[in-house]
Amino acid sequence: MILRYKVFIILIIICIVASLGSPYFLTMSNIFNVVRQISMQGMLAIGFTMILACGSIDLSIGSIVGLVGVTTAMVSKLGDGLPLPFITLVIVSLCFGAAIGFANGFVVSTLKIPAFVATLSTQIIMRGAIYVMTGNQHVSDIPPQLIFFGQGYVGPVPFPVILLIIVTIAGAIVLYKTKFGRHVIAIGANRDAAHYCGINVKRTEYGVFVAMGLAAAMASLVLTGRSGTAQIGGGLNMEMDAIAAVVMGGTPMTGGSGNIVGAVGGSLIIGVISNMLNLMHVNSNWQYVVKGLLIIGAVLMDVQSTRLQARLSDRKQ
C-alpha cells in the first residue's frame, strides 16, 4: 500500500520544502492557484493512465489539446453573433476529442501501426492542421461561457478544480469498477492471454484512446478559457508532463496496472515544484531541466519499486 501511494509521501516532503522556501506557499490562494494550474495536466494524466495501463502509449495528446481548443473556439463564434449555449460547447469539444481518439485507435489497433510511431505521426498531422486552420494566428474574442472553463469560480472554488475532481472520480470508477477497466488491466498485463480469455482487445484499445481524447478535450476547454484565446501552440509538450505524472503516480511503463489517484498526485508534484521555483524567482528555463530530471527520476523510481514489490512477493511465497 505504501509503495502504491508513495507519490503522496514525496508530495508532502516537497510541500514542506516549498513552505520553508517561501512564506507565500501555504496560503489558501496559492494552493488553489497550484491546483488550478495542474488541473489540465491532471486530466491528461488520468487519460494517459488508461493508455499506459493497457500497455500502449499516446504521444499526440498535446496536439489533441491544441486542435480541440482551436476548433471549439471557432465553433463558439458561429451562430450569427449569438453565443452558443454552455452545454453545446462542451458537447462539441468532447465529441471532437473522442473522434480524434477513435482515429488514433484505428491507426494503432486496426492498421497495426506501433502506437509510438502512429501517435507521433498524428501529433505532427494535428499540429499542422492547427496552423492551416488558423493561418498561424491565435483565435481571439472567444465568448464568456468558454472563458468560464478556465477562469470561473463556483463559490470560492475555481471551476477547473471541480472539473479535475469530476474527471478523477469518473476515471477511477471506469478503471477500477467496470468490466472495461478490468479488460484494460488484463491486456496491459498480457495481451495474448487476454485475447485467449475472450477479451475483445481491439475494442478495448479503441476505448482507451477515446477516453484519452475525452480527457484531452476537457483539458483543452480549461486551457482555452484560462488564456482567453485558442493559441496555436496550445498543448505543446504537455505529453511530457503527463508521462512524468503518470509514472510518478505508480503506473508502470510496462502496463498491467493503473493508479488514477496517483497520477493526480504526480501532477501535483510537478505543479508544486513549478510553483516553488516561481516563488523563489528561479529562471523559468530551469523548469524544463527540472521536469526532464523528474522524468528520469520517475522511471528510476518505477523500476526500483517494481523490483522491491517482486522481492516482497517472492518472500511471501
C-alpha atoms as a PDB file:
ATOM      1  CA  MET A   1       0.000   0.000   0.000  1.00  0.00           C
ATOM      2  CA  ILE A   2       2.843   2.403   0.876  1.00  0.00           C
ATOM      3  CA  LEU A   3       4.603   1.682  -2.417  1.00  0.00           C
ATOM      4  CA  ARG A   4       1.356   2.186  -4.355  1.00  0.00           C
ATOM      5  CA  TYR A   5       0.838   5.684  -2.950  1.00  0.00           C
ATOM      6  CA  LYS A   6       4.486   6.678  -2.476  1.00  0.00           C
ATOM      7  CA  VAL A   7       3.834   9.726  -4.645  1.00  0.00           C
ATOM      8  CA  PHE A   8       1.916  11.417  -1.806  1.00  0.00           C
ATOM      9  CA  ILE A   9       4.795  10.898   0.613  1.00  0.00           C
ATOM     10  CA  ILE A  10       7.050  12.615  -1.917  1.00  0.00           C
ATOM     11  CA  LEU A  11       4.429  15.357  -2.371  1.00  0.00           C
ATOM     12  CA  ILE A  12       4.315  16.059   1.374  1.00  0.00           C
ATOM     13  CA  ILE A  13       8.112  16.286   1.549  1.00  0.00           C
ATOM     14  CA  ILE A  14       8.219  18.696  -1.401  1.00  0.00           C
ATOM     15  CA  CYS A  15       5.437  20.810   0.147  1.00  0.00           C
ATOM     16  CA  ILE A  16       7.427  21.083   3.382  1.00  0.00           C
ATOM     17  CA  VAL A  17      10.500  22.190   1.442  1.00  0.00           C
ATOM     18  CA  ALA A  18       8.407  24.688  -0.561  1.00  0.00           C
ATOM     19  CA  SER A  19       6.855  26.160   2.587  1.00  0.00           C
ATOM     20  CA  LEU A  20      10.322  26.649   4.062  1.00  0.00           C
ATOM     21  CA  GLY A  21      11.496  28.297   0.860  1.00  0.00           C
ATOM     22  CA  SER A  22       8.625  30.789   0.636  1.00  0.00           C
ATOM     23  CA  PRO A  23       6.123  32.066   3.234  1.00  0.00           C
ATOM     24  CA  TYR A  24       3.508  32.503   0.500  1.00  0.00           C
ATOM     25  CA  PHE A  25       3.353  28.834  -0.485  1.00  0.00           C
ATOM     26  CA  LEU A  26       0.857  27.603   2.128  1.00  0.00           C
ATOM     27  CA  THR A  27      -1.622  30.447   1.635  1.00  0.00           C
ATOM     28  CA  MET A  28      -5.085  29.316   0.527  1.00  0.00           C
ATOM     29  CA  SER A  29      -4.978  31.458  -2.618  1.00  0.00           C
ATOM     30  CA  ASN A  30      -1.660  29.927  -3.678  1.00  0.00           C
ATOM     31  CA  ILE A  31      -2.836  26.373  -3.009  1.00  0.00           C
ATOM     32  CA  PHE A  32      -5.937  26.930  -5.152  1.00  0.00           C
ATOM     33  CA  ASN A  33      -3.699  28.508  -7.782  1.00  0.00           C
ATOM     34  CA  VAL A  34      -1.456  25.420  -7.880  1.00  0.00           C
ATOM     35  CA  VAL A  35      -4.393  23.021  -8.192  1.00  0.00           C
ATOM     36  CA  ARG A  36      -5.980  25.194 -10.881  1.00  0.00           C
ATOM     37  CA  GLN A  37      -2.708  25.256 -12.817  1.00  0.00           C
ATOM     38  CA  ILE A  38      -2.289  21.479 -12.723  1.00  0.00           C
ATOM     39  CA  SER A  39      -5.937  20.719 -13.486  1.00  0.00           C
ATOM     40  CA  MET A  40      -5.179  20.387 -17.204  1.00  0.00           C
ATOM     41  CA  GLN A  41      -2.229  18.050 -16.871  1.00  0.00           C
ATOM     42  CA  GLY A  42      -4.107  16.160 -14.153  1.00  0.00           C
ATOM     43  CA  MET A  43      -6.911  15.389 -16.611  1.00  0.00           C
ATOM     44  CA  LEU A  44      -4.371  14.361 -19.238  1.00  0.00           C
ATOM     45  CA  ALA A  45      -2.591  12.163 -16.697  1.00  0.00           C
ATOM     46  CA  ILE A  46      -5.850  10.365 -15.907  1.00  0.00           C
ATOM     47  CA  GLY A  47      -6.451   9.571 -19.572  1.00  0.00           C
ATOM     48  CA  PHE A  48      -2.812   8.613 -20.058  1.00  0.00           C
ATOM     49  CA  THR A  49      -3.020   6.237 -17.079  1.00  0.00           C
ATOM     50  CA  MET A  50      -5.550   4.162 -19.017  1.00  0.00           C
ATOM     51  CA  ILE A  51      -3.352   4.234 -22.114  1.00  0.00           C
ATOM     52  CA  LEU A  52      -0.294   3.080 -20.185  1.00  0.00           C
ATOM     53  CA  ALA A  53      -2.244   0.524 -18.138  1.00  0.00           C
ATOM     54  CA  CYS A  54      -3.334  -1.033 -21.436  1.00  0.00           C
ATOM     55  CA  GLY A  55       0.309  -1.368 -22.461  1.00  0.00           C
ATOM     56  CA  SER A  56       0.152   1.361 -25.087  1.00  0.00           C
ATOM     57  CA  ILE A  57       1.313   4.964 -25.440  1.00  0.00           C
ATOM     58  CA  ASP A  58      -0.038   8.200 -26.937  1.00  0.00           C
ATOM     59  CA  LEU A  59       2.361  10.984 -27.915  1.00  0.00           C
ATOM     60  CA  SER A  60      -0.335  13.063 -29.605  1.00  0.00           C
ATOM     61  CA  ILE A  61      -2.192  14.295 -26.514  1.00  0.00           C
ATOM     62  CA  GLY A  62      -0.673  17.785 -26.603  1.00  0.00           C
ATOM     63  CA  SER A  63      -1.754  18.240 -30.207  1.00  0.00           C
ATOM     64  CA  ILE A  64      -5.242  16.950 -29.372  1.00  0.00           C
ATOM     65  CA  VAL A  65      -5.494  19.673 -26.721  1.00  0.00           C
ATOM     66  CA  GLY A  66      -4.401  22.319 -29.241  1.00  0.00           C
ATOM     67  CA  LEU A  67      -6.637  21.164 -32.098  1.00  0.00           C
ATOM     68  CA  VAL A  68      -9.737  20.730 -29.940  1.00  0.00           C
ATOM     69  CA  GLY A  69      -9.149  24.181 -28.445  1.00  0.00           C
ATOM     70  CA  VAL A  70      -8.880  25.883 -31.822  1.00  0.00           C
ATOM     71  CA  THR A  71     -11.901  24.034 -33.223  1.00  0.00           C
ATOM     72  CA  THR A  72     -14.092  24.738 -30.182  1.00  0.00           C
ATOM     73  CA  ALA A  73     -13.109  28.415 -30.206  1.00  0.00           C
ATOM     74  CA  MET A  74     -14.018  28.699 -33.896  1.00  0.00           C
ATOM     75  CA  VAL A  75     -17.344  26.945 -33.360  1.00  0.00           C
ATOM     76  CA  SER A  76     -18.125  29.194 -30.382  1.00  0.00           C
ATOM     77  CA  LYS A  77     -18.032  32.220 -32.681  1.00  0.00           C
ATOM     78  CA  LEU A  78     -20.639  30.811 -35.074  1.00  0.00           C
ATOM     79  CA  GLY A  79     -24.367  31.488 -34.886  1.00  0.00           C
ATOM     80  CA  ASP A  80     -24.740  34.989 -36.359  1.00  0.00           C
ATOM     81  CA  GLY A  81     -23.078  36.617 -33.381  1.00  0.00           C
ATOM     82  CA  LEU A  82     -25.232  34.819 -30.803  1.00  0.00           C
ATOM     83  CA  PRO A  83     -23.203  32.948 -28.156  1.00  0.00           C
ATOM     84  CA  LEU A  84     -23.667  29.188 -28.204  1.00  0.00           C
ATOM     85  CA  PRO A  85     -25.007  27.578 -25.023  1.00  0.00           C
ATOM     86  CA  PHE A  86     -22.522  26.347 -22.447  1.00  0.00           C
ATOM     87  CA  ILE A  87     -23.542  22.716 -22.892  1.00  0.00           C
ATOM     88  CA  THR A  88     -23.188  22.947 -26.679  1.00  0.00           C
ATOM     89  CA  LEU A  89     -19.526  23.905 -26.393  1.00  0.00           C
ATOM     90  CA  VAL A  90     -18.939  21.003 -24.014  1.00  0.00           C
ATOM     91  CA  ILE A  91     -20.574  18.542 -26.405  1.00  0.00           C
ATOM     92  CA  VAL A  92     -18.653  19.872 -29.417  1.00  0.00           C
ATOM     93  CA  SER A  93     -15.366  19.650 -27.562  1.00  0.00           C
ATOM     94  CA  LEU A  94     -15.961  16.164 -26.144  1.00  0.00           C
ATOM     95  CA  CYS A  95     -17.234  14.747 -29.436  1.00  0.00           C
ATOM     96  CA  PHE A  96     -14.266  16.115 -31.368  1.00  0.00           C
ATOM     97  CA  GLY A  97     -11.798  14.831 -28.774  1.00  0.00           C
ATOM     98  CA  ALA A  98     -13.459  11.403 -28.822  1.00  0.00           C
ATOM     99  CA  ALA A  99     -13.331  11.362 -32.632  1.00  0.00           C
ATOM    100  CA  ILE A 100      -9.594  12.068 -32.610  1.00  0.00           C
ATOM    101  CA  GLY A 101      -9.100   9.333 -30.017  1.00  0.00           C
ATOM    102  CA  PHE A 102     -11.097   6.948 -32.201  1.00  0.00           C
ATOM    103  CA  ALA A 103      -8.870   7.829 -35.154  1.00  0.00           C
ATOM    104  CA  ASN A 104      -5.763   7.072 -33.081  1.00  0.00           C
ATOM    105  CA  GLY A 105      -7.330   3.758 -32.059  1.00  0.00           C
ATOM    106  CA  PHE A 106      -7.989   2.929 -35.717  1.00  0.00           C
ATOM    107  CA  VAL A 107      -4.394   3.597 -36.724  1.00  0.00           C
ATOM    108  CA  VAL A 108      -2.975   1.606 -33.803  1.00  0.00           C
ATOM    109  CA  SER A 109      -5.428  -1.259 -33.417  1.00  0.00           C
ATOM    110  CA  THR A 110      -6.826  -1.760 -36.923  1.00  0.00           C
ATOM    111  CA  LEU A 111      -3.897  -0.710 -39.111  1.00  0.00           C
ATOM    112  CA  LYS A 112      -1.488  -2.370 -36.645  1.00  0.00           C
ATOM    113  CA  ILE A 113       0.982   0.529 -36.660  1.00  0.00           C
ATOM    114  CA  PRO A 114       3.021   0.648 -33.422  1.00  0.00           C
ATOM    115  CA  ALA A 115       1.475   3.185 -31.044  1.00  0.00           C
ATOM    116  CA  PHE A 116       4.703   5.162 -30.648  1.00  0.00           C
ATOM    117  CA  VAL A 117       5.029   5.733 -34.405  1.00  0.00           C
ATOM    118  CA  ALA A 118       1.292   6.141 -35.009  1.00  0.00           C
ATOM    119  CA  THR A 119       0.682   8.778 -32.342  1.00  0.00           C
ATOM    120  CA  LEU A 120       3.906  10.604 -33.152  1.00  0.00           C
ATOM    121  CA  SER A 121       2.614  10.884 -36.729  1.00  0.00           C
ATOM    122  CA  THR A 122      -0.862  12.036 -35.703  1.00  0.00           C
ATOM    123  CA  GLN A 123       0.774  14.542 -33.360  1.00  0.00           C
ATOM    124  CA  ILE A 124       2.542  16.137 -36.324  1.00  0.00           C
ATOM    125  CA  ILE A 125      -0.572  15.967 -38.525  1.00  0.00           C
ATOM    126  CA  MET A 126      -2.759  17.694 -35.940  1.00  0.00           C
ATOM    127  CA  ARG A 127      -0.181  20.376 -35.206  1.00  0.00           C
ATOM    128  CA  GLY A 128      -0.028  21.112 -38.934  1.00  0.00           C
ATOM    129  CA  ALA A 129      -3.834  21.204 -39.089  1.00  0.00           C
ATOM    130  CA  ILE A 130      -3.839  23.842 -36.343  1.00  0.00           C
ATOM    131  CA  TYR A 131      -1.507  26.073 -38.360  1.00  0.00           C
ATOM    132  CA  VAL A 132      -3.568  25.616 -41.539  1.00  0.00           C
ATOM    133  CA  MET A 133      -6.926  26.277 -39.837  1.00  0.00           C
ATOM    134  CA  THR A 134      -5.765  29.413 -38.037  1.00  0.00           C
ATOM    135  CA  GLY A 135      -3.322  30.821 -40.580  1.00  0.00           C
ATOM    136  CA  ASN A 136      -0.760  30.872 -37.747  1.00  0.00           C
ATOM    137  CA  GLN A 137      -2.957  33.301 -35.788  1.00  0.00           C
ATOM    138  CA  HIS A 138      -4.469  32.834 -32.346  1.00  0.00           C
ATOM    139  CA  VAL A 139      -8.270  32.586 -32.219  1.00  0.00           C
ATOM    140  CA  SER A 140      -9.285  35.518 -30.006  1.00  0.00           C
ATOM    141  CA  ASP A 141     -12.521  37.182 -28.853  1.00  0.00           C
ATOM    142  CA  ILE A 142     -13.952  33.935 -27.534  1.00  0.00           C
ATOM    143  CA  PRO A 143     -17.282  34.161 -25.656  1.00  0.00           C
ATOM    144  CA  PRO A 144     -17.552  34.403 -21.845  1.00  0.00           C
ATOM    145  CA  GLN A 145     -19.043  30.922 -21.421  1.00  0.00           C
ATOM    146  CA  LEU A 146     -15.828  29.439 -22.826  1.00  0.00           C
ATOM    147  CA  ILE A 147     -13.658  31.651 -20.629  1.00  0.00           C
ATOM    148  CA  PHE A 148     -15.572  30.368 -17.596  1.00  0.00           C
ATOM    149  CA  PHE A 149     -13.951  26.938 -18.005  1.00  0.00           C
ATOM    150  CA  GLY A 150     -10.554  28.347 -17.161  1.00  0.00           C
ATOM    151  CA  GLN A 151     -11.307  31.405 -15.061  1.00  0.00           C
ATOM    152  CA  GLY A 152     -14.700  30.765 -13.461  1.00  0.00           C
ATOM    153  CA  TYR A 153     -15.487  30.018  -9.818  1.00  0.00           C
ATOM    154  CA  VAL A 154     -18.200  28.044  -8.067  1.00  0.00           C
ATOM    155  CA  GLY A 155     -18.275  29.780  -4.720  1.00  0.00           C
ATOM    156  CA  PRO A 156     -14.645  30.078  -3.576  1.00  0.00           C
ATOM    157  CA  VAL A 157     -13.514  27.054  -5.625  1.00  0.00           C
ATOM    158  CA  PRO A 158     -12.056  27.527  -9.137  1.00  0.00           C
ATOM    159  CA  PHE A 159     -14.129  25.706 -11.755  1.00  0.00           C
ATOM    160  CA  PRO A 160     -11.083  23.836 -13.194  1.00  0.00           C
ATOM    161  CA  VAL A 161     -10.544  22.262  -9.752  1.00  0.00           C
ATOM    162  CA  ILE A 162     -14.132  20.983  -9.761  1.00  0.00           C
ATOM    163  CA  LEU A 163     -13.652  19.579 -13.258  1.00  0.00           C
ATOM    164  CA  LEU A 164     -10.477  17.797 -12.151  1.00  0.00           C
ATOM    165  CA  ILE A 165     -12.305  16.194  -9.228  1.00  0.00           C
ATOM    166  CA  ILE A 166     -15.124  15.040 -11.535  1.00  0.00           C
ATOM    167  CA  VAL A 167     -12.685  13.579 -14.106  1.00  0.00           C
ATOM    168  CA  THR A 168     -10.700  11.856 -11.343  1.00  0.00           C
ATOM    169  CA  ILE A 169     -13.789  10.193  -9.888  1.00  0.00           C
ATOM    170  CA  ALA A 170     -15.033   9.181 -13.342  1.00  0.00           C
ATOM    171  CA  GLY A 171     -11.626   7.767 -14.313  1.00  0.00           C
ATOM    172  CA  ALA A 172     -11.331   5.799 -11.066  1.00  0.00           C
ATOM    173  CA  ILE A 173     -14.809   4.303 -11.484  1.00  0.00           C
ATOM    174  CA  VAL A 174     -14.130   3.305 -15.097  1.00  0.00           C
ATOM    175  CA  LEU A 175     -10.724   1.733 -14.395  1.00  0.00           C
ATOM    176  CA  TYR A 176     -11.484   0.049 -11.057  1.00  0.00           C
ATOM    177  CA  LYS A 177     -15.203  -0.715 -11.076  1.00  0.00           C
ATOM    178  CA  THR A 178     -16.142  -1.668 -14.653  1.00  0.00           C
ATOM    179  CA  LYS A 179     -15.573  -4.647 -16.918  1.00  0.00           C
ATOM    180  CA  PHE A 180     -13.882  -2.311 -19.392  1.00  0.00           C
ATOM    181  CA  GLY A 181     -11.339  -1.315 -16.747  1.00  0.00           C
ATOM    182  CA  ARG A 182     -10.602  -4.948 -15.900  1.00  0.00           C
ATOM    183  CA  HIS A 183     -10.061  -5.653 -19.583  1.00  0.00           C
ATOM    184  CA  VAL A 184      -7.657  -2.705 -19.844  1.00  0.00           C
ATOM    185  CA  ILE A 185      -5.550  -4.075 -16.987  1.00  0.00           C
ATOM    186  CA  ALA A 186      -5.663  -7.611 -18.394  1.00  0.00           C
ATOM    187  CA  ILE A 187      -4.484  -6.511 -21.845  1.00  0.00           C
ATOM    188  CA  GLY A 188      -1.659  -4.481 -20.341  1.00  0.00           C
ATOM    189  CA  ALA A 189      -0.551  -7.452 -18.232  1.00  0.00           C
ATOM    190  CA  ASN A 190      -0.604  -9.962 -21.078  1.00  0.00           C
ATOM    191  CA  ARG A 191      -2.157  -9.083 -24.411  1.00  0.00           C
ATOM    192  CA  ASP A 192      -2.130 -12.635 -25.835  1.00  0.00           C
ATOM    193  CA  ALA A 193      -3.565 -14.184 -22.671  1.00  0.00           C
ATOM    194  CA  ALA A 194      -6.321 -11.554 -22.620  1.00  0.00           C
ATOM    195  CA  HIS A 195      -7.184 -12.407 -26.226  1.00  0.00           C
ATOM    196  CA  TYR A 196      -7.348 -16.139 -25.494  1.00  0.00           C
ATOM    197  CA  CYS A 197      -9.599 -15.429 -22.499  1.00  0.00           C
ATOM    198  CA  GLY A 198     -12.152 -13.906 -24.863  1.00  0.00           C
ATOM    199  CA  ILE A 199     -11.436 -10.211 -24.275  1.00  0.00           C
ATOM    200  CA  ASN A 200     -12.023  -8.040 -27.332  1.00  0.00           C
ATOM    201  CA  VAL A 201      -8.564  -6.460 -27.464  1.00  0.00           C
ATOM    202  CA  LYS A 202      -9.288  -4.215 -30.441  1.00  0.00           C
ATOM    203  CA  ARG A 203     -12.459  -2.739 -28.934  1.00  0.00           C
ATOM    204  CA  THR A 204     -10.730  -2.137 -25.613  1.00  0.00           C
ATOM    205  CA  GLU A 205      -7.815  -0.373 -27.303  1.00  0.00           C
ATOM    206  CA  TYR A 206     -10.265   1.839 -29.158  1.00  0.00           C
ATOM    207  CA  GLY A 207     -11.863   2.591 -25.809  1.00  0.00           C
ATOM    208  CA  VAL A 208      -8.680   3.750 -24.086  1.00  0.00           C
ATOM    209  CA  PHE A 209      -7.775   6.056 -26.966  1.00  0.00           C
ATOM    210  CA  VAL A 210     -11.301   7.515 -26.961  1.00  0.00           C
ATOM    211  CA  ALA A 211     -11.008   8.030 -23.188  1.00  0.00           C
ATOM    212  CA  MET A 212      -7.707   9.816 -23.772  1.00  0.00           C
ATOM    213  CA  GLY A 213      -9.378  12.036 -26.371  1.00  0.00           C
ATOM    214  CA  LEU A 214     -12.171  12.917 -23.928  1.00  0.00           C
ATOM    215  CA  ALA A 215      -9.668  13.800 -21.183  1.00  0.00           C
ATOM    216  CA  ALA A 216      -7.685  15.934 -23.630  1.00  0.00           C
ATOM    217  CA  ALA A 217     -10.879  17.729 -24.680  1.00  0.00           C
ATOM    218  CA  MET A 218     -11.670  18.624 -21.068  1.00  0.00           C
ATOM    219  CA  ALA A 219      -8.123  19.885 -20.583  1.00  0.00           C
ATOM    220  CA  SER A 220      -8.451  21.889 -23.793  1.00  0.00           C
ATOM    221  CA  LEU A 221     -11.572  23.670 -22.536  1.00  0.00           C
ATOM    222  CA  VAL A 222      -9.731  24.706 -19.387  1.00  0.00           C
ATOM    223  CA  LEU A 223      -6.624  25.832 -21.288  1.00  0.00           C
ATOM    224  CA  THR A 224      -8.620  27.893 -23.797  1.00  0.00           C
ATOM    225  CA  GLY A 225     -10.725  29.501 -21.087  1.00  0.00           C
ATOM    226  CA  ARG A 226      -7.722  30.251 -18.926  1.00  0.00           C
ATOM    227  CA  SER A 227      -5.751  32.009 -21.665  1.00  0.00           C
ATOM    228  CA  GLY A 228      -8.828  33.708 -23.150  1.00  0.00           C
ATOM    229  CA  THR A 229      -7.683  32.678 -26.626  1.00  0.00           C
ATOM    230  CA  ALA A 230      -7.155  29.460 -28.549  1.00  0.00           C
ATOM    231  CA  GLN A 231      -3.407  29.578 -29.092  1.00  0.00           C
ATOM    232  CA  ILE A 232      -1.682  27.829 -31.989  1.00  0.00           C
ATOM    233  CA  GLY A 233       0.885  26.499 -29.525  1.00  0.00           C
ATOM    234  CA  GLY A 234      -1.757  25.255 -27.110  1.00  0.00           C
ATOM    235  CA  GLY A 235      -0.925  21.892 -25.579  1.00  0.00           C
ATOM    236  CA  LEU A 236       2.641  21.899 -26.883  1.00  0.00           C
ATOM    237  CA  ASN A 237       4.807  19.399 -24.946  1.00  0.00           C
ATOM    238  CA  MET A 238       2.002  18.606 -22.490  1.00  0.00           C
ATOM    239  CA  GLU A 239       2.622  14.917 -23.079  1.00  0.00           C
ATOM    240  CA  MET A 240       5.946  15.267 -21.237  1.00  0.00           C
ATOM    241  CA  ASP A 241       4.247  16.365 -18.017  1.00  0.00           C
ATOM    242  CA  ALA A 242       1.593  13.678 -18.398  1.00  0.00           C
ATOM    243  CA  ILE A 243       4.157  10.895 -18.751  1.00  0.00           C
ATOM    244  CA  ALA A 244       6.117  12.118 -15.741  1.00  0.00           C
ATOM    245  CA  ALA A 245       2.978  12.461 -13.605  1.00  0.00           C
ATOM    246  CA  VAL A 246       1.599   9.033 -14.500  1.00  0.00           C
ATOM    247  CA  VAL A 247       4.856   7.166 -13.870  1.00  0.00           C
ATOM    248  CA  MET A 248       5.482   9.037 -10.619  1.00  0.00           C
ATOM    249  CA  GLY A 249       1.916   8.198  -9.658  1.00  0.00           C
ATOM    250  CA  GLY A 250       2.644   4.474  -9.680  1.00  0.00           C
ATOM    251  CA  THR A 251       1.541   3.273 -13.121  1.00  0.00           C
ATOM    252  CA  PRO A 252       4.321   1.063 -14.534  1.00  0.00           C
ATOM    253  CA  MET A 253       5.678   1.705 -18.011  1.00  0.00           C
ATOM    254  CA  THR A 254       5.110  -1.980 -18.798  1.00  0.00           C
ATOM    255  CA  GLY A 255       1.331  -1.756 -18.302  1.00  0.00           C
ATOM    256  CA  GLY A 256      -0.942  -4.140 -16.451  1.00  0.00           C
ATOM    257  CA  SER A 257      -1.704  -1.693 -13.644  1.00  0.00           C
ATOM    258  CA  GLY A 258      -3.032   1.838 -13.296  1.00  0.00           C
ATOM    259  CA  ASN A 259      -3.170   4.360 -10.484  1.00  0.00           C
ATOM    260  CA  ILE A 260      -5.646   7.158 -11.229  1.00  0.00           C
ATOM    261  CA  VAL A 261      -5.309   8.960  -7.883  1.00  0.00           C
ATOM    262  CA  GLY A 262      -1.534   8.571  -8.017  1.00  0.00           C
ATOM    263  CA  ALA A 263      -1.478  10.243 -11.445  1.00  0.00           C
ATOM    264  CA  VAL A 264      -3.172  13.302  -9.963  1.00  0.00           C
ATOM    265  CA  GLY A 265      -0.603  13.205  -7.148  1.00  0.00           C
ATOM    266  CA  GLY A 266       2.181  13.144  -9.729  1.00  0.00           C
ATOM    267  CA  SER A 267       0.641  16.165 -11.442  1.00  0.00           C
ATOM    268  CA  LEU A 268       0.539  17.959  -8.089  1.00  0.00           C
ATOM    269  CA  ILE A 269       4.254  17.265  -7.563  1.00  0.00           C
ATOM    270  CA  ILE A 270       5.098  18.842 -10.919  1.00  0.00           C
ATOM    271  CA  GLY A 271       2.809  21.796 -10.169  1.00  0.00           C
ATOM    272  CA  VAL A 272       4.242  22.341  -6.681  1.00  0.00           C
ATOM    273  CA  ILE A 273       7.817  22.257  -7.994  1.00  0.00           C
ATOM    274  CA  SER A 274       6.987  24.788 -10.730  1.00  0.00           C
ATOM    275  CA  ASN A 275       5.172  26.992  -8.226  1.00  0.00           C
ATOM    276  CA  MET A 276       8.058  26.760  -5.762  1.00  0.00           C
ATOM    277  CA  LEU A 277      10.561  27.769  -8.434  1.00  0.00           C
ATOM    278  CA  ASN A 278       8.351  30.722  -9.424  1.00  0.00           C
ATOM    279  CA  LEU A 279       8.003  31.897  -5.813  1.00  0.00           C
ATOM    280  CA  MET A 280      11.770  31.672  -5.434  1.00  0.00           C
ATOM    281  CA  HIS A 281      12.197  33.695  -8.670  1.00  0.00           C
ATOM    282  CA  VAL A 282      14.129  30.940 -10.416  1.00  0.00           C
ATOM    283  CA  ASN A 283      14.551  31.406 -14.170  1.00  0.00           C
ATOM    284  CA  SER A 284      11.656  29.657 -15.942  1.00  0.00           C
ATOM    285  CA  ASN A 285      14.064  27.973 -18.363  1.00  0.00           C
ATOM    286  CA  TRP A 286      15.406  25.905 -15.479  1.00  0.00           C
ATOM    287  CA  GLN A 287      11.955  24.401 -15.009  1.00  0.00           C
ATOM    288  CA  TYR A 288      12.434  22.395 -18.208  1.00  0.00           C
ATOM    289  CA  VAL A 289      15.655  20.993 -16.753  1.00  0.00           C
ATOM    290  CA  VAL A 290      13.845  20.037 -13.553  1.00  0.00           C
ATOM    291  CA  LYS A 291      10.995  18.374 -15.453  1.00  0.00           C
ATOM    292  CA  GLY A 292      13.448  16.372 -17.531  1.00  0.00           C
ATOM    293  CA  LEU A 293      15.190  15.192 -14.379  1.00  0.00           C
ATOM    294  CA  LEU A 294      11.768  14.371 -12.925  1.00  0.00           C
ATOM    295  CA  ILE A 295      11.018  12.007 -15.800  1.00  0.00           C
ATOM    296  CA  ILE A 296      14.330  10.211 -15.308  1.00  0.00           C
ATOM    297  CA  GLY A 297      13.740  10.036 -11.571  1.00  0.00           C
ATOM    298  CA  ALA A 298      10.168   8.829 -12.071  1.00  0.00           C
ATOM    299  CA  VAL A 299      11.216   5.998 -14.355  1.00  0.00           C
ATOM    300  CA  LEU A 300      14.043   5.036 -11.985  1.00  0.00           C
ATOM    301  CA  MET A 301      11.638   5.083  -9.032  1.00  0.00           C
ATOM    302  CA  ASP A 302       9.167   2.964 -11.002  1.00  0.00           C
ATOM    303  CA  VAL A 303      11.822   0.358 -11.834  1.00  0.00           C
ATOM    304  CA  GLN A 304      13.135   0.163  -8.266  1.00  0.00           C
ATOM    305  CA  SER A 305       9.677  -0.029  -6.656  1.00  0.00           C
ATOM    306  CA  THR A 306       8.634  -2.752  -9.113  1.00  0.00           C
ATOM    307  CA  ARG A 307      11.713  -4.772  -8.193  1.00  0.00           C
ATOM    308  CA  LEU A 308      11.013  -4.276  -4.497  1.00  0.00           C
ATOM    309  CA  GLN A 309       7.411  -5.418  -4.914  1.00  0.00           C
ATOM    310  CA  ALA A 310       8.625  -8.515  -6.779  1.00  0.00           C
ATOM    311  CA  ARG A 311      11.072  -9.342  -3.984  1.00  0.00           C
ATOM    312  CA  LEU A 312       8.393  -8.934  -1.314  1.00  0.00           C
ATOM    313  CA  SER A 313       6.049 -11.140  -3.337  1.00  0.00           C
ATOM    314  CA  ASP A 314       8.726 -13.836  -3.666  1.00  0.00           C
ATOM    315  CA  ARG A 315       9.342 -13.807   0.077  1.00  0.00           C
ATOM    316  CA  LYS A 316       5.653 -14.279   0.833  1.00  0.00           C
ATOM    317  CA  GLN A 317       5.579 -17.302  -1.446  1.00  0.00           C
END
